[in-house]
């Protein structure tokens, strides 16, 4: 699906992750329920932790004004 990501939301509409992989064949699942459709997502807490610990991207976290 390319280098794009989409927000993953919980039932309250809160950001909980980023979807980064899915099945191109089931793109219609955006409009119709398809049980075989799948999407792989990364938890936002892990993503932020990775930015801080491995990428040393504290400046990005500061710019985002996030507390976690």
PDB file of N, CA and C in Angstrom:
ATOM      1  N   UNK A   1       0.817  -1.185   0.000  1.00  0.00           N
ATOM      2  CA  UNK A   1       0.000   0.000   0.000  1.00  0.00           C
ATOM      3  C   UNK A   1       0.865   1.256   0.000  1.00  0.00           C
ATOM      4  N   UNK A   2       2.131   1.103  -0.141  1.00  0.00           N
ATOM      5  CA  UNK A   2       2.979   2.282  -0.248  1.00  0.00           C
ATOM      6  C   UNK A   2       3.534   2.716   1.088  1.00  0.00           C
ATOM      7  N   UNK A   3       4.060   3.925   1.124  1.00  0.00           N
ATOM      8  CA  UNK A   3       4.710   4.447   2.322  1.00  0.00           C
ATOM      9  C   UNK A   3       3.778   5.315   3.137  1.00  0.00           C
ATOM     10  N   UNK A   4       2.496   5.127   2.996  1.00  0.00           N
ATOM     11  CA  UNK A   4       1.536   5.957   3.705  1.00  0.00           C
ATOM     12  C   UNK A   4       1.017   5.231   4.934  1.00  0.00           C
ATOM     13  N   UNK A   5       0.600   5.988   5.913  1.00  0.00           N
ATOM     14  CA  UNK A   5       0.009   5.428   7.123  1.00  0.00           C
ATOM     15  C   UNK A   5      -1.319   6.104   7.374  1.00  0.00           C
ATOM     16  N   UNK A   6      -2.172   5.415   8.080  1.00  0.00           N
ATOM     17  CA  UNK A   6      -3.465   5.965   8.464  1.00  0.00           C
ATOM     18  C   UNK A   6      -3.613   5.839   9.969  1.00  0.00           C
ATOM     19  N   UNK A   7      -4.364   6.738  10.525  1.00  0.00           N
ATOM     20  CA  UNK A   7      -4.617   6.698  11.961  1.00  0.00           C
ATOM     21  C   UNK A   7      -5.449   5.467  12.307  1.00  0.00           C
ATOM     22  N   UNK A   8      -5.132   4.871  13.449  1.00  0.00           N
ATOM     23  CA  UNK A   8      -5.942   3.803  14.013  1.00  0.00           C
ATOM     24  C   UNK A   8      -6.618   4.389  15.241  1.00  0.00           C
ATOM     25  N   UNK A   9      -7.938   4.340  15.274  1.00  0.00           N
ATOM     26  CA  UNK A   9      -8.707   4.947  16.355  1.00  0.00           C
ATOM     27  C   UNK A   9      -9.407   3.870  17.171  1.00  0.00           C
ATOM     28  N   UNK A  10      -9.603   4.170  18.456  1.00  0.00           N
ATOM     29  CA  UNK A  10     -10.385   3.257  19.288  1.00  0.00           C
ATOM     30  C   UNK A  10     -11.862   3.674  19.237  1.00  0.00           C
ATOM     31  N   UNK A  11     -12.683   3.030  20.026  1.00  0.00           N
ATOM     32  CA  UNK A  11     -14.112   3.313  20.034  1.00  0.00           C
ATOM     33  C   UNK A  11     -14.470   4.708  20.503  1.00  0.00           C
ATOM     34  N   UNK A  12     -13.538   5.387  21.185  1.00  0.00           N
ATOM     35  CA  UNK A  12     -13.764   6.760  21.661  1.00  0.00           C
ATOM     36  C   UNK A  12     -13.238   7.800  20.687  1.00  0.00           C
ATOM     37  N   UNK A  13     -12.681   7.339  19.561  1.00  0.00           N
ATOM     38  CA  UNK A  13     -12.117   8.260  18.584  1.00  0.00           C
ATOM     39  C   UNK A  13     -10.722   8.757  18.932  1.00  0.00           C
ATOM     40  N   UNK A  14     -10.061   8.081  19.863  1.00  0.00           N
ATOM     41  CA  UNK A  14      -8.708   8.461  20.275  1.00  0.00           C
ATOM     42  C   UNK A  14      -7.674   7.763  19.399  1.00  0.00           C
ATOM     43  N   UNK A  15      -6.599   8.463  19.083  1.00  0.00           N
ATOM     44  CA  UNK A  15      -5.510   7.870  18.310  1.00  0.00           C
ATOM     45  C   UNK A  15      -4.814   6.815  19.158  1.00  0.00           C
ATOM     46  N   UNK A  16      -4.753   5.588  18.640  1.00  0.00           N
ATOM     47  CA  UNK A  16      -4.093   4.506  19.371  1.00  0.00           C
ATOM     48  C   UNK A  16      -2.986   3.854  18.563  1.00  0.00           C
ATOM     49  N   UNK A  17      -2.825   4.230  17.300  1.00  0.00           N
ATOM     50  CA  UNK A  17      -1.784   3.627  16.487  1.00  0.00           C
ATOM     51  C   UNK A  17      -1.780   4.153  15.067  1.00  0.00           C
ATOM     52  N   UNK A  18      -0.895   3.560  14.280  1.00  0.00           N
ATOM     53  CA  UNK A  18      -0.788   3.883  12.859  1.00  0.00           C
ATOM     54  C   UNK A  18      -0.885   2.595  12.059  1.00  0.00           C
ATOM     55  N   UNK A  19      -1.814   2.567  11.112  1.00  0.00           N
ATOM     56  CA  UNK A  19      -1.938   1.428  10.206  1.00  0.00           C
ATOM     57  C   UNK A  19      -0.909   1.605   9.104  1.00  0.00           C
ATOM     58  N   UNK A  20      -0.099   0.572   8.874  1.00  0.00           N
ATOM     59  CA  UNK A  20       0.950   0.710   7.875  1.00  0.00           C
ATOM     60  C   UNK A  20       0.946  -0.385   6.825  1.00  0.00           C
ATOM     61  N   UNK A  21       0.086  -1.380   6.944  1.00  0.00           N
ATOM     62  CA  UNK A  21       0.044  -2.434   5.946  1.00  0.00           C
ATOM     63  C   UNK A  21      -1.362  -2.997   5.886  1.00  0.00           C
ATOM     64  N   UNK A  22      -1.784  -3.353   4.707  1.00  0.00           N
ATOM     65  CA  UNK A  22      -3.093  -3.945   4.514  1.00  0.00           C
ATOM     66  C   UNK A  22      -3.130  -4.674   3.192  1.00  0.00           C
ATOM     67  N   UNK A  23      -4.277  -5.164   2.840  1.00  0.00           N
ATOM     68  CA  UNK A  23      -4.433  -5.913   1.603  1.00  0.00           C
ATOM     69  C   UNK A  23      -5.007  -5.009   0.525  1.00  0.00           C
ATOM     70  N   UNK A  24      -4.260  -4.769  -0.511  1.00  0.00           N
ATOM     71  CA  UNK A  24      -4.720  -3.934  -1.612  1.00  0.00           C
ATOM     72  C   UNK A  24      -5.988  -4.502  -2.243  1.00  0.00           C
ATOM     73  N   UNK A  25      -6.101  -5.830  -2.270  1.00  0.00           N
ATOM     74  CA  UNK A  25      -7.254  -6.475  -2.881  1.00  0.00           C
ATOM     75  C   UNK A  25      -8.559  -6.156  -2.145  1.00  0.00           C
ATOM     76  N   UNK A  26      -8.464  -5.742  -0.894  1.00  0.00           N
ATOM     77  CA  UNK A  26      -9.679  -5.478  -0.119  1.00  0.00           C
ATOM     78  C   UNK A  26      -9.886  -3.989   0.129  1.00  0.00           C
ATOM     79  N   UNK A  27      -9.398  -3.159  -0.763  1.00  0.00           N
ATOM     80  CA  UNK A  27      -9.569  -1.716  -0.601  1.00  0.00           C
ATOM     81  C   UNK A  27     -11.051  -1.335  -0.525  1.00  0.00           C
ATOM     82  N   UNK A  28     -11.913  -2.157  -1.106  1.00  0.00           N
ATOM     83  CA  UNK A  28     -13.348  -1.920  -1.034  1.00  0.00           C
ATOM     84  C   UNK A  28     -13.836  -2.004   0.406  1.00  0.00           C
ATOM     85  N   UNK A  29     -13.032  -2.604   1.307  1.00  0.00           N
ATOM     86  CA  UNK A  29     -13.424  -2.734   2.712  1.00  0.00           C
ATOM     87  C   UNK A  29     -13.617  -1.373   3.368  1.00  0.00           C
ATOM     88  N   UNK A  30     -13.121  -0.306   2.734  1.00  0.00           N
ATOM     89  CA  UNK A  30     -13.388   1.039   3.246  1.00  0.00           C
ATOM     90  C   UNK A  30     -14.877   1.376   3.144  1.00  0.00           C
ATOM     91  N   UNK A  31     -15.569   0.700   2.257  1.00  0.00           N
ATOM     92  CA  UNK A  31     -16.974   1.007   1.979  1.00  0.00           C
ATOM     93  C   UNK A  31     -17.923  -0.127   2.291  1.00  0.00           C
ATOM     94  N   UNK A  32     -17.422  -1.345   2.365  1.00  0.00           N
ATOM     95  CA  UNK A  32     -18.249  -2.521   2.602  1.00  0.00           C
ATOM     96  C   UNK A  32     -17.499  -3.467   3.531  1.00  0.00           C
ATOM     97  N   UNK A  33     -18.195  -4.085   4.476  1.00  0.00           N
ATOM     98  CA  UNK A  33     -17.568  -5.019   5.407  1.00  0.00           C
ATOM     99  C   UNK A  33     -17.121  -6.282   4.675  1.00  0.00           C
ATOM    100  N   UNK A  34     -15.848  -6.609   4.790  1.00  0.00           N
ATOM    101  CA  UNK A  34     -15.288  -7.825   4.210  1.00  0.00           C
ATOM    102  C   UNK A  34     -14.522  -8.534   5.327  1.00  0.00           C
ATOM    103  N   UNK A  35     -15.012  -9.683   5.797  1.00  0.00           N
ATOM    104  CA  UNK A  35     -14.377 -10.363   6.926  1.00  0.00           C
ATOM    105  C   UNK A  35     -12.923 -10.749   6.682  1.00  0.00           C
ATOM    106  N   UNK A  36     -12.539 -10.989   5.429  1.00  0.00           N
ATOM    107  CA  UNK A  36     -11.174 -11.401   5.120  1.00  0.00           C
ATOM    108  C   UNK A  36     -10.185 -10.237   5.131  1.00  0.00           C
ATOM    109  N   UNK A  37     -10.680  -9.021   5.173  1.00  0.00           N
ATOM    110  CA  UNK A  37      -9.805  -7.841   5.128  1.00  0.00           C
ATOM    111  C   UNK A  37      -8.939  -7.798   6.387  1.00  0.00           C
ATOM    112  N   UNK A  38      -7.712  -7.321   6.239  1.00  0.00           N
ATOM    113  CA  UNK A  38      -6.820  -7.206   7.394  1.00  0.00           C
ATOM    114  C   UNK A  38      -5.990  -5.938   7.254  1.00  0.00           C
ATOM    115  N   UNK A  39      -5.593  -5.419   8.377  1.00  0.00           N
ATOM    116  CA  UNK A  39      -4.703  -4.270   8.429  1.00  0.00           C
ATOM    117  C   UNK A  39      -3.737  -4.492   9.579  1.00  0.00           C
ATOM    118  N   UNK A  40      -2.482  -4.137   9.377  1.00  0.00           N
ATOM    119  CA  UNK A  40      -1.471  -4.247  10.423  1.00  0.00           C
ATOM    120  C   UNK A  40      -1.199  -2.849  10.942  1.00  0.00           C
ATOM    121  N   UNK A  41      -1.191  -2.721  12.249  1.00  0.00           N
ATOM    122  CA  UNK A  41      -1.040  -1.417  12.883  1.00  0.00           C
ATOM    123  C   UNK A  41       0.034  -1.486  13.962  1.00  0.00           C
ATOM    124  N   UNK A  42       0.677  -0.356  14.218  1.00  0.00           N
ATOM    125  CA  UNK A  42       1.644  -0.267  15.308  1.00  0.00           C
ATOM    126  C   UNK A  42       1.024   0.614  16.398  1.00  0.00           C
ATOM    127  N   UNK A  43       1.172   0.193  17.644  1.00  0.00           N
ATOM    128  CA  UNK A  43       0.660   0.935  18.786  1.00  0.00           C
ATOM    129  C   UNK A  43       1.374   2.279  18.886  1.00  0.00           C
ATOM    130  N   UNK A  44       0.627   3.351  19.083  1.00  0.00           N
ATOM    131  CA  UNK A  44       1.225   4.693  19.123  1.00  0.00           C
ATOM    132  C   UNK A  44       2.238   4.841  20.258  1.00  0.00           C
ATOM    133  N   UNK A  45       2.038   4.147  21.377  1.00  0.00           N
ATOM    134  CA  UNK A  45       2.999   4.237  22.480  1.00  0.00           C
ATOM    135  C   UNK A  45       4.348   3.656  22.081  1.00  0.00           C
ATOM    136  N   UNK A  46       4.326   2.550  21.348  1.00  0.00           N
ATOM    137  CA  UNK A  46       5.572   1.949  20.879  1.00  0.00           C
ATOM    138  C   UNK A  46       6.259   2.857  19.866  1.00  0.00           C
ATOM    139  N   UNK A  47       5.480   3.443  18.980  1.00  0.00           N
ATOM    140  CA  UNK A  47       6.020   4.355  17.980  1.00  0.00           C
ATOM    141  C   UNK A  47       6.712   5.544  18.648  1.00  0.00           C
ATOM    142  N   UNK A  48       6.075   6.140  19.652  1.00  0.00           N
ATOM    143  CA  UNK A  48       6.661   7.285  20.363  1.00  0.00           C
ATOM    144  C   UNK A  48       7.913   6.868  21.144  1.00  0.00           C
ATOM    145  N   UNK A  49       7.869   5.699  21.777  1.00  0.00           N
ATOM    146  CA  UNK A  49       9.025   5.189  22.518  1.00  0.00           C
ATOM    147  C   UNK A  49      10.208   4.985  21.575  1.00  0.00           C
ATOM    148  N   UNK A  50       9.936   4.435  20.390  1.00  0.00           N
ATOM    149  CA  UNK A  50      10.986   4.228  19.397  1.00  0.00           C
ATOM    150  C   UNK A  50      11.599   5.546  18.957  1.00  0.00           C
ATOM    151  N   UNK A  51      10.760   6.559  18.739  1.00  0.00           N
ATOM    152  CA  UNK A  51      11.278   7.884  18.367  1.00  0.00           C
ATOM    153  C   UNK A  51      12.234   8.408  19.432  1.00  0.00           C
ATOM    154  N   UNK A  52      11.863   8.225  20.694  1.00  0.00           N
ATOM    155  CA  UNK A  52      12.677   8.754  21.784  1.00  0.00           C
ATOM    156  C   UNK A  52      13.964   7.949  21.995  1.00  0.00           C
ATOM    157  N   UNK A  53      13.858   6.634  22.076  1.00  0.00           N
ATOM    158  CA  UNK A  53      14.986   5.794  22.482  1.00  0.00           C
ATOM    159  C   UNK A  53      15.957   5.441  21.357  1.00  0.00           C
ATOM    160  N   UNK A  54      15.436   5.160  20.186  1.00  0.00           N
ATOM    161  CA  UNK A  54      16.298   4.679  19.111  1.00  0.00           C
ATOM    162  C   UNK A  54      16.625   5.740  18.071  1.00  0.00           C
ATOM    163  N   UNK A  55      15.667   6.589  17.782  1.00  0.00           N
ATOM    164  CA  UNK A  55      15.894   7.614  16.767  1.00  0.00           C
ATOM    165  C   UNK A  55      16.414   8.908  17.367  1.00  0.00           C
ATOM    166  N   UNK A  56      16.444   8.977  18.713  1.00  0.00           N
ATOM    167  CA  UNK A  56      16.867  10.193  19.410  1.00  0.00           C
ATOM    168  C   UNK A  56      16.197  11.424  18.812  1.00  0.00           C
ATOM    169  N   UNK A  57      14.869  11.306  18.656  1.00  0.00           N
ATOM    170  CA  UNK A  57      14.082  12.343  17.997  1.00  0.00           C
ATOM    171  C   UNK A  57      13.264  13.151  19.004  1.00  0.00           C
ATOM    172  N   UNK A  58      13.903  13.508  20.120  1.00  0.00           N
ATOM    173  CA  UNK A  58      13.222  14.307  21.131  1.00  0.00           C
ATOM    174  C   UNK A  58      12.686  15.607  20.578  1.00  0.00           C
ATOM    175  N   UNK A  59      13.387  16.171  19.607  1.00  0.00           N
ATOM    176  CA  UNK A  59      12.919  17.422  19.006  1.00  0.00           C
ATOM    177  C   UNK A  59      11.568  17.234  18.314  1.00  0.00           C
ATOM    178  N   UNK A  60      11.354  16.084  17.699  1.00  0.00           N
ATOM    179  CA  UNK A  60      10.059  15.819  17.053  1.00  0.00           C
ATOM    180  C   UNK A  60       8.973  15.666  18.109  1.00  0.00           C
ATOM    181  N   UNK A  61       9.290  14.953  19.192  1.00  0.00           N
ATOM    182  CA  UNK A  61       8.313  14.778  20.266  1.00  0.00           C
ATOM    183  C   UNK A  61       7.956  16.111  20.904  1.00  0.00           C
ATOM    184  N   UNK A  62       8.946  16.985  21.075  1.00  0.00           N
ATOM    185  CA  UNK A  62       8.668  18.322  21.610  1.00  0.00           C
ATOM    186  C   UNK A  62       7.773  19.109  20.664  1.00  0.00           C
ATOM    187  N   UNK A  63       8.051  19.010  19.374  1.00  0.00           N
ATOM    188  CA  UNK A  63       7.260  19.737  18.398  1.00  0.00           C
ATOM    189  C   UNK A  63       5.810  19.237  18.370  1.00  0.00           C
ATOM    190  N   UNK A  64       5.625  17.952  18.596  1.00  0.00           N
ATOM    191  CA  UNK A  64       4.291  17.388  18.636  1.00  0.00           C
ATOM    192  C   UNK A  64       3.555  17.746  19.923  1.00  0.00           C
ATOM    193  N   UNK A  65       4.293  18.223  20.931  1.00  0.00           N
ATOM    194  CA  UNK A  65       3.715  18.575  22.243  1.00  0.00           C
ATOM    195  C   UNK A  65       2.975  17.404  22.848  1.00  0.00           C
ATOM    196  N   UNK A  66       3.608  16.243  22.826  1.00  0.00           N
ATOM    197  CA  UNK A  66       2.971  15.045  23.358  1.00  0.00           C
ATOM    198  C   UNK A  66       3.565  14.677  24.706  1.00  0.00           C
ATOM    199  N   UNK A  67       2.688  14.247  25.593  1.00  0.00           N
ATOM    200  CA  UNK A  67       3.116  13.684  26.858  1.00  0.00           C
ATOM    201  C   UNK A  67       2.591  12.265  26.886  1.00  0.00           C
ATOM    202  N   UNK A  68       3.480  11.314  27.162  1.00  0.00           N
ATOM    203  CA  UNK A  68       3.048   9.919  27.207  1.00  0.00           C
ATOM    204  C   UNK A  68       3.720   9.202  28.340  1.00  0.00           C
TER     205      UNK A  68
END
